[in-house]
Amino acid sequence: MKIKALLLFALASIFLLAGCSSPYMYEWGKYDEWLYENYKHPKNDEELYVELTELITNYESRKNPTTKPMAPGLYAEYGFLLMRRGENERAIHYYEKEKALWPESTVFMNNMIQTAKIADKSATKGDAK
């Protein structure tokens, strides 16, 4: 009887503790909400840029942003938006952050970095004319 009560207490404690934890392993902010909304009602790049800038700024300004890592792909998406805006050096910076946080993205991020460097060189040549 005593073992059953102890087992029941242990199970109840586990369920209570599990209910108190965050449902997410990563820091998503409102990314999933605005991504879903963007699929339903496409926004322009400027709106996406503002929202993602806010998410990343809030995440990185915390005292301990390593509590939950930035969700996979967010730095890469931000880098892509920056690259589309012609901010290739900043894009590379965020591709490097994505690569450091998610090593499995290394090949893809290296390709994106190469693309940003080529775009930067093309833009520089266009400015020289």
N, C-alpha and C. Protein backbone atom coordinates (compact mmCIF):
# COMPACT_ATOMS: atom_id res chain seq x y z
N MET A 1 0.82 -1.18 0.00
CA MET A 1 0.00 0.00 0.00
C MET A 1 0.88 1.26 0.00
N LYS A 2 1.93 1.21 0.82
CA LYS A 2 2.82 2.35 0.93
C LYS A 2 3.54 2.59 -0.40
N ILE A 3 3.91 1.54 -1.11
CA ILE A 3 4.60 1.65 -2.39
C ILE A 3 3.67 2.25 -3.43
N LYS A 4 2.39 1.84 -3.43
CA LYS A 4 1.42 2.39 -4.38
C LYS A 4 1.23 3.89 -4.14
N ALA A 5 1.15 4.28 -2.90
CA ALA A 5 0.98 5.70 -2.58
C ALA A 5 2.21 6.50 -3.02
N LEU A 6 3.39 5.96 -2.79
CA LEU A 6 4.63 6.62 -3.19
C LEU A 6 4.72 6.72 -4.72
N LEU A 7 4.34 5.67 -5.40
CA LEU A 7 4.35 5.66 -6.86
C LEU A 7 3.34 6.67 -7.40
N LEU A 8 2.17 6.71 -6.82
CA LEU A 8 1.14 7.66 -7.23
C LEU A 8 1.62 9.10 -7.02
N PHE A 9 2.26 9.36 -5.88
CA PHE A 9 2.81 10.68 -5.59
C PHE A 9 3.89 11.06 -6.62
N ALA A 10 4.76 10.12 -6.94
CA ALA A 10 5.83 10.37 -7.90
C ALA A 10 5.25 10.69 -9.28
N LEU A 11 4.27 9.93 -9.72
CA LEU A 11 3.64 10.18 -11.02
C LEU A 11 2.93 11.53 -11.05
N ALA A 12 2.23 11.85 -9.97
CA ALA A 12 1.53 13.14 -9.90
C ALA A 12 2.53 14.29 -9.94
N SER A 13 3.65 14.12 -9.26
CA SER A 13 4.69 15.16 -9.26
C SER A 13 5.27 15.36 -10.65
N ILE A 14 5.50 14.28 -11.35
CA ILE A 14 6.06 14.37 -12.71
C ILE A 14 5.09 15.11 -13.62
N PHE A 15 3.80 14.77 -13.55
CA PHE A 15 2.82 15.44 -14.40
C PHE A 15 2.68 16.91 -14.06
N LEU A 16 2.75 17.24 -12.79
CA LEU A 16 2.67 18.65 -12.39
C LEU A 16 3.88 19.43 -12.89
N LEU A 17 5.04 18.86 -12.75
CA LEU A 17 6.25 19.54 -13.22
C LEU A 17 6.27 19.66 -14.74
N ALA A 18 5.80 18.66 -15.42
CA ALA A 18 5.76 18.71 -16.88
C ALA A 18 4.79 19.78 -17.35
N GLY A 19 3.72 19.98 -16.62
CA GLY A 19 2.74 21.00 -16.99
C GLY A 19 3.26 22.41 -16.80
N CYS A 20 4.27 22.58 -15.98
CA CYS A 20 4.83 23.91 -15.72
C CYS A 20 5.90 24.31 -16.72
N SER A 21 6.40 23.37 -17.47
CA SER A 21 7.48 23.70 -18.40
C SER A 21 6.94 24.36 -19.65
N SER A 22 7.82 25.07 -20.34
CA SER A 22 7.46 25.74 -21.58
C SER A 22 7.22 24.69 -22.67
N PRO A 23 6.24 24.93 -23.53
CA PRO A 23 5.96 23.95 -24.59
C PRO A 23 6.99 23.98 -25.72
N TYR A 24 7.86 24.98 -25.73
CA TYR A 24 8.82 25.12 -26.81
C TYR A 24 10.25 24.92 -26.31
N MET A 25 11.04 24.23 -27.13
CA MET A 25 12.46 24.05 -26.81
C MET A 25 13.28 25.24 -27.26
N TYR A 26 12.76 25.98 -28.24
CA TYR A 26 13.51 27.07 -28.85
C TYR A 26 12.76 28.37 -28.70
N GLU A 27 13.46 29.45 -28.93
CA GLU A 27 12.85 30.77 -28.87
C GLU A 27 12.26 31.11 -30.24
N TRP A 28 10.94 31.07 -30.33
CA TRP A 28 10.25 31.36 -31.57
C TRP A 28 9.66 32.76 -31.58
N GLY A 29 9.47 33.34 -30.39
CA GLY A 29 8.78 34.63 -30.36
C GLY A 29 7.41 34.44 -30.99
N LYS A 30 7.03 35.35 -31.84
CA LYS A 30 5.75 35.22 -32.56
C LYS A 30 5.98 34.82 -34.01
N TYR A 31 7.16 34.26 -34.27
CA TYR A 31 7.53 33.91 -35.64
C TYR A 31 6.52 32.96 -36.27
N ASP A 32 6.12 31.92 -35.55
CA ASP A 32 5.19 30.96 -36.14
C ASP A 32 3.86 31.61 -36.47
N GLU A 33 3.43 32.55 -35.63
CA GLU A 33 2.16 33.24 -35.89
C GLU A 33 2.25 34.12 -37.14
N TRP A 34 3.33 34.94 -37.22
CA TRP A 34 3.39 35.82 -38.38
C TRP A 34 3.75 35.07 -39.66
N LEU A 35 4.44 33.94 -39.54
CA LEU A 35 4.72 33.15 -40.74
C LEU A 35 3.42 32.56 -41.28
N TYR A 36 2.59 32.05 -40.38
CA TYR A 36 1.29 31.51 -40.79
C TYR A 36 0.43 32.62 -41.42
N GLU A 37 0.40 33.78 -40.77
CA GLU A 37 -0.37 34.91 -41.31
C GLU A 37 0.17 35.33 -42.67
N ASN A 38 1.49 35.30 -42.82
CA ASN A 38 2.07 35.70 -44.09
C ASN A 38 1.71 34.72 -45.21
N TYR A 39 1.58 33.45 -44.89
CA TYR A 39 1.13 32.49 -45.90
C TYR A 39 -0.31 32.76 -46.31
N LYS A 40 -1.14 33.12 -45.34
CA LYS A 40 -2.54 33.41 -45.62
C LYS A 40 -2.71 34.75 -46.34
N HIS A 41 -2.00 35.77 -45.83
CA HIS A 41 -2.09 37.14 -46.35
C HIS A 41 -0.67 37.67 -46.50
N PRO A 42 -0.06 37.45 -47.66
CA PRO A 42 1.35 37.82 -47.83
C PRO A 42 1.62 39.29 -47.49
N LYS A 43 2.69 39.49 -46.76
CA LYS A 43 3.14 40.82 -46.39
C LYS A 43 4.32 41.18 -47.27
N ASN A 44 4.63 42.44 -47.28
CA ASN A 44 5.83 42.81 -48.04
C ASN A 44 7.06 42.57 -47.18
N ASP A 45 8.21 42.59 -47.81
CA ASP A 45 9.46 42.32 -47.10
C ASP A 45 9.71 43.28 -45.95
N GLU A 46 9.26 44.52 -46.11
CA GLU A 46 9.51 45.52 -45.06
C GLU A 46 8.80 45.13 -43.76
N GLU A 47 7.56 44.68 -43.86
CA GLU A 47 6.82 44.25 -42.66
C GLU A 47 7.50 43.05 -42.01
N LEU A 48 7.90 42.09 -42.82
CA LEU A 48 8.58 40.91 -42.28
C LEU A 48 9.90 41.31 -41.63
N TYR A 49 10.61 42.23 -42.29
CA TYR A 49 11.89 42.71 -41.75
C TYR A 49 11.69 43.35 -40.38
N VAL A 50 10.70 44.19 -40.24
CA VAL A 50 10.43 44.88 -38.97
C VAL A 50 10.09 43.86 -37.88
N GLU A 51 9.23 42.91 -38.19
CA GLU A 51 8.81 41.93 -37.19
C GLU A 51 9.96 41.01 -36.78
N LEU A 52 10.75 40.56 -37.74
CA LEU A 52 11.86 39.68 -37.41
C LEU A 52 12.98 40.43 -36.70
N THR A 53 13.18 41.69 -37.06
CA THR A 53 14.16 42.53 -36.35
C THR A 53 13.78 42.66 -34.89
N GLU A 54 12.50 42.89 -34.65
CA GLU A 54 12.01 43.02 -33.27
C GLU A 54 12.22 41.72 -32.48
N LEU A 55 11.89 40.59 -33.10
CA LEU A 55 12.06 39.30 -32.43
C LEU A 55 13.53 39.07 -32.07
N ILE A 56 14.43 39.27 -33.02
CA ILE A 56 15.85 39.01 -32.79
C ILE A 56 16.42 40.01 -31.78
N THR A 57 16.04 41.27 -31.90
CA THR A 57 16.52 42.28 -30.95
C THR A 57 16.07 41.96 -29.54
N ASN A 58 14.81 41.60 -29.37
CA ASN A 58 14.31 41.23 -28.04
C ASN A 58 15.04 40.02 -27.49
N TYR A 59 15.27 39.03 -28.34
CA TYR A 59 15.96 37.81 -27.92
C TYR A 59 17.39 38.12 -27.48
N GLU A 60 18.10 38.87 -28.30
CA GLU A 60 19.52 39.12 -28.02
C GLU A 60 19.74 40.15 -26.92
N SER A 61 18.73 40.93 -26.58
CA SER A 61 18.90 41.94 -25.53
C SER A 61 18.64 41.39 -24.14
N ARG A 62 18.17 40.15 -24.04
CA ARG A 62 17.96 39.55 -22.73
C ARG A 62 19.28 39.33 -22.03
N LYS A 63 19.22 39.32 -20.71
CA LYS A 63 20.44 39.11 -19.93
C LYS A 63 21.02 37.73 -20.19
N ASN A 64 20.17 36.73 -20.34
CA ASN A 64 20.64 35.36 -20.57
C ASN A 64 19.90 34.76 -21.77
N PRO A 65 20.26 35.18 -23.00
CA PRO A 65 19.53 34.67 -24.16
C PRO A 65 19.79 33.20 -24.46
N THR A 66 20.70 32.58 -23.72
CA THR A 66 21.00 31.18 -24.00
C THR A 66 20.06 30.22 -23.27
N THR A 67 19.09 30.76 -22.53
CA THR A 67 18.15 29.90 -21.85
C THR A 67 17.50 28.95 -22.85
N LYS A 68 16.99 29.49 -23.93
CA LYS A 68 16.46 28.71 -25.04
C LYS A 68 17.17 29.22 -26.28
N PRO A 69 17.68 28.33 -27.10
CA PRO A 69 18.35 28.82 -28.31
C PRO A 69 17.34 29.40 -29.30
N MET A 70 17.82 30.30 -30.13
CA MET A 70 17.00 30.83 -31.20
C MET A 70 16.54 29.66 -32.06
N ALA A 71 15.31 29.69 -32.46
CA ALA A 71 14.73 28.58 -33.23
C ALA A 71 15.50 28.38 -34.54
N PRO A 72 15.56 27.14 -35.01
CA PRO A 72 16.27 26.86 -36.26
C PRO A 72 15.68 27.64 -37.42
N GLY A 73 16.55 28.27 -38.17
CA GLY A 73 16.13 28.96 -39.38
C GLY A 73 15.83 30.44 -39.22
N LEU A 74 15.67 30.94 -38.00
CA LEU A 74 15.30 32.34 -37.83
C LEU A 74 16.43 33.29 -38.23
N TYR A 75 17.65 32.98 -37.80
CA TYR A 75 18.77 33.83 -38.21
C TYR A 75 18.96 33.75 -39.73
N ALA A 76 18.77 32.58 -40.30
CA ALA A 76 18.92 32.41 -41.75
C ALA A 76 17.85 33.19 -42.49
N GLU A 77 16.62 33.15 -42.01
CA GLU A 77 15.55 33.90 -42.66
C GLU A 77 15.82 35.40 -42.59
N TYR A 78 16.30 35.84 -41.44
CA TYR A 78 16.63 37.25 -41.29
C TYR A 78 17.76 37.63 -42.24
N GLY A 79 18.76 36.77 -42.34
CA GLY A 79 19.85 37.02 -43.29
C GLY A 79 19.34 37.11 -44.72
N PHE A 80 18.39 36.25 -45.06
CA PHE A 80 17.82 36.27 -46.41
C PHE A 80 17.08 37.58 -46.67
N LEU A 81 16.32 38.05 -45.68
CA LEU A 81 15.63 39.34 -45.84
C LEU A 81 16.65 40.47 -46.00
N LEU A 82 17.73 40.41 -45.22
CA LEU A 82 18.77 41.43 -45.34
C LEU A 82 19.42 41.40 -46.72
N MET A 83 19.67 40.20 -47.22
CA MET A 83 20.28 40.07 -48.53
C MET A 83 19.35 40.64 -49.61
N ARG A 84 18.06 40.39 -49.49
CA ARG A 84 17.10 40.93 -50.46
C ARG A 84 17.05 42.46 -50.40
N ARG A 85 17.41 43.01 -49.24
CA ARG A 85 17.46 44.46 -49.08
C ARG A 85 18.79 45.05 -49.54
N GLY A 86 19.73 44.18 -49.94
CA GLY A 86 21.03 44.64 -50.38
C GLY A 86 22.03 44.80 -49.25
N GLU A 87 21.68 44.34 -48.05
CA GLU A 87 22.57 44.45 -46.89
C GLU A 87 23.33 43.14 -46.74
N ASN A 88 24.21 42.89 -47.69
CA ASN A 88 24.88 41.60 -47.78
C ASN A 88 25.84 41.31 -46.63
N GLU A 89 26.57 42.31 -46.17
CA GLU A 89 27.49 42.08 -45.04
C GLU A 89 26.72 41.69 -43.78
N ARG A 90 25.62 42.37 -43.53
CA ARG A 90 24.79 42.01 -42.37
C ARG A 90 24.18 40.63 -42.56
N ALA A 91 23.79 40.31 -43.78
CA ALA A 91 23.22 38.99 -44.07
C ALA A 91 24.23 37.91 -43.73
N ILE A 92 25.48 38.11 -44.14
CA ILE A 92 26.53 37.14 -43.85
C ILE A 92 26.69 36.95 -42.35
N HIS A 93 26.63 38.05 -41.60
CA HIS A 93 26.73 37.98 -40.14
C HIS A 93 25.65 37.05 -39.57
N TYR A 94 24.42 37.16 -40.05
CA TYR A 94 23.34 36.31 -39.53
C TYR A 94 23.42 34.88 -40.06
N TYR A 95 23.95 34.70 -41.26
CA TYR A 95 24.18 33.34 -41.75
C TYR A 95 25.24 32.65 -40.88
N GLU A 96 26.26 33.40 -40.49
CA GLU A 96 27.28 32.85 -39.60
C GLU A 96 26.69 32.48 -38.24
N LYS A 97 25.79 33.31 -37.73
CA LYS A 97 25.13 33.01 -36.46
C LYS A 97 24.30 31.73 -36.58
N GLU A 98 23.58 31.59 -37.68
CA GLU A 98 22.77 30.38 -37.90
C GLU A 98 23.67 29.15 -37.94
N LYS A 99 24.77 29.28 -38.65
CA LYS A 99 25.72 28.16 -38.79
C LYS A 99 26.32 27.78 -37.45
N ALA A 100 26.66 28.76 -36.63
CA ALA A 100 27.25 28.49 -35.32
C ALA A 100 26.25 27.83 -34.38
N LEU A 101 25.01 28.28 -34.43
CA LEU A 101 23.98 27.74 -33.55
C LEU A 101 23.47 26.38 -34.03
N TRP A 102 23.41 26.20 -35.32
CA TRP A 102 22.89 24.97 -35.92
C TRP A 102 23.90 24.42 -36.92
N PRO A 103 24.91 23.68 -36.45
CA PRO A 103 25.97 23.18 -37.34
C PRO A 103 25.46 22.33 -38.51
N GLU A 104 24.30 21.72 -38.35
CA GLU A 104 23.77 20.92 -39.45
C GLU A 104 23.38 21.78 -40.65
N SER A 105 23.32 23.10 -40.46
CA SER A 105 23.00 24.00 -41.57
C SER A 105 24.25 24.52 -42.27
N THR A 106 25.42 24.02 -41.90
CA THR A 106 26.69 24.56 -42.40
C THR A 106 26.76 24.61 -43.92
N VAL A 107 26.43 23.52 -44.58
CA VAL A 107 26.54 23.50 -46.05
C VAL A 107 25.63 24.55 -46.68
N PHE A 108 24.39 24.59 -46.22
CA PHE A 108 23.45 25.56 -46.76
C PHE A 108 23.88 26.99 -46.44
N MET A 109 24.31 27.24 -45.22
CA MET A 109 24.73 28.59 -44.83
C MET A 109 25.98 29.01 -45.60
N ASN A 110 26.91 28.08 -45.82
CA ASN A 110 28.09 28.40 -46.63
C ASN A 110 27.69 28.82 -48.04
N ASN A 111 26.70 28.14 -48.60
CA ASN A 111 26.20 28.50 -49.94
C ASN A 111 25.55 29.89 -49.91
N MET A 112 24.80 30.18 -48.86
CA MET A 112 24.16 31.49 -48.75
C MET A 112 25.21 32.59 -48.55
N ILE A 113 26.24 32.28 -47.79
CA ILE A 113 27.33 33.25 -47.59
C ILE A 113 28.01 33.54 -48.91
N GLN A 114 28.28 32.49 -49.69
CA GLN A 114 28.88 32.68 -51.02
C GLN A 114 27.99 33.54 -51.90
N THR A 115 26.70 33.27 -51.88
CA THR A 115 25.75 34.04 -52.68
C THR A 115 25.75 35.50 -52.26
N ALA A 116 25.78 35.75 -50.95
CA ALA A 116 25.80 37.13 -50.46
C ALA A 116 27.09 37.83 -50.85
N LYS A 117 28.21 37.11 -50.82
CA LYS A 117 29.49 37.72 -51.21
C LYS A 117 29.49 38.07 -52.69
N ILE A 118 28.95 37.18 -53.52
CA ILE A 118 28.87 37.44 -54.96
C ILE A 118 27.96 38.64 -55.22
N ALA A 119 26.82 38.68 -54.53
CA ALA A 119 25.89 39.80 -54.69
C ALA A 119 26.54 41.10 -54.24
N ASP A 120 27.35 41.03 -53.19
CA ASP A 120 28.03 42.23 -52.68
C ASP A 120 29.05 42.73 -53.70
N LYS A 121 29.79 41.80 -54.31
CA LYS A 121 30.76 42.18 -55.33
C LYS A 121 30.07 42.78 -56.55
N SER A 122 28.94 42.19 -56.94
CA SER A 122 28.18 42.72 -58.09
C SER A 122 27.67 44.12 -57.80
N ALA A 123 27.20 44.33 -56.59
CA ALA A 123 26.70 45.65 -56.20
C ALA A 123 27.82 46.67 -56.19
N THR A 124 28.99 46.25 -55.72
CA THR A 124 30.15 47.15 -55.67
C THR A 124 30.59 47.53 -57.07
N LYS A 125 30.58 46.57 -58.00
CA LYS A 125 30.94 46.87 -59.39
C LYS A 125 29.94 47.82 -60.02
N GLY A 126 28.66 47.64 -59.68
CA GLY A 126 27.61 48.51 -60.21
C GLY A 126 27.75 49.92 -59.69
N ASP A 127 28.23 50.09 -58.46
CA ASP A 127 28.43 51.41 -57.88
C ASP A 127 29.62 52.12 -58.51
N ALA A 128 30.58 51.36 -59.00
CA ALA A 128 31.79 51.94 -59.57
C ALA A 128 31.54 52.54 -60.96
N LYS A 129 30.46 52.15 -61.62
CA LYS A 129 30.18 52.62 -62.98
C LYS A 129 29.73 54.06 -63.00
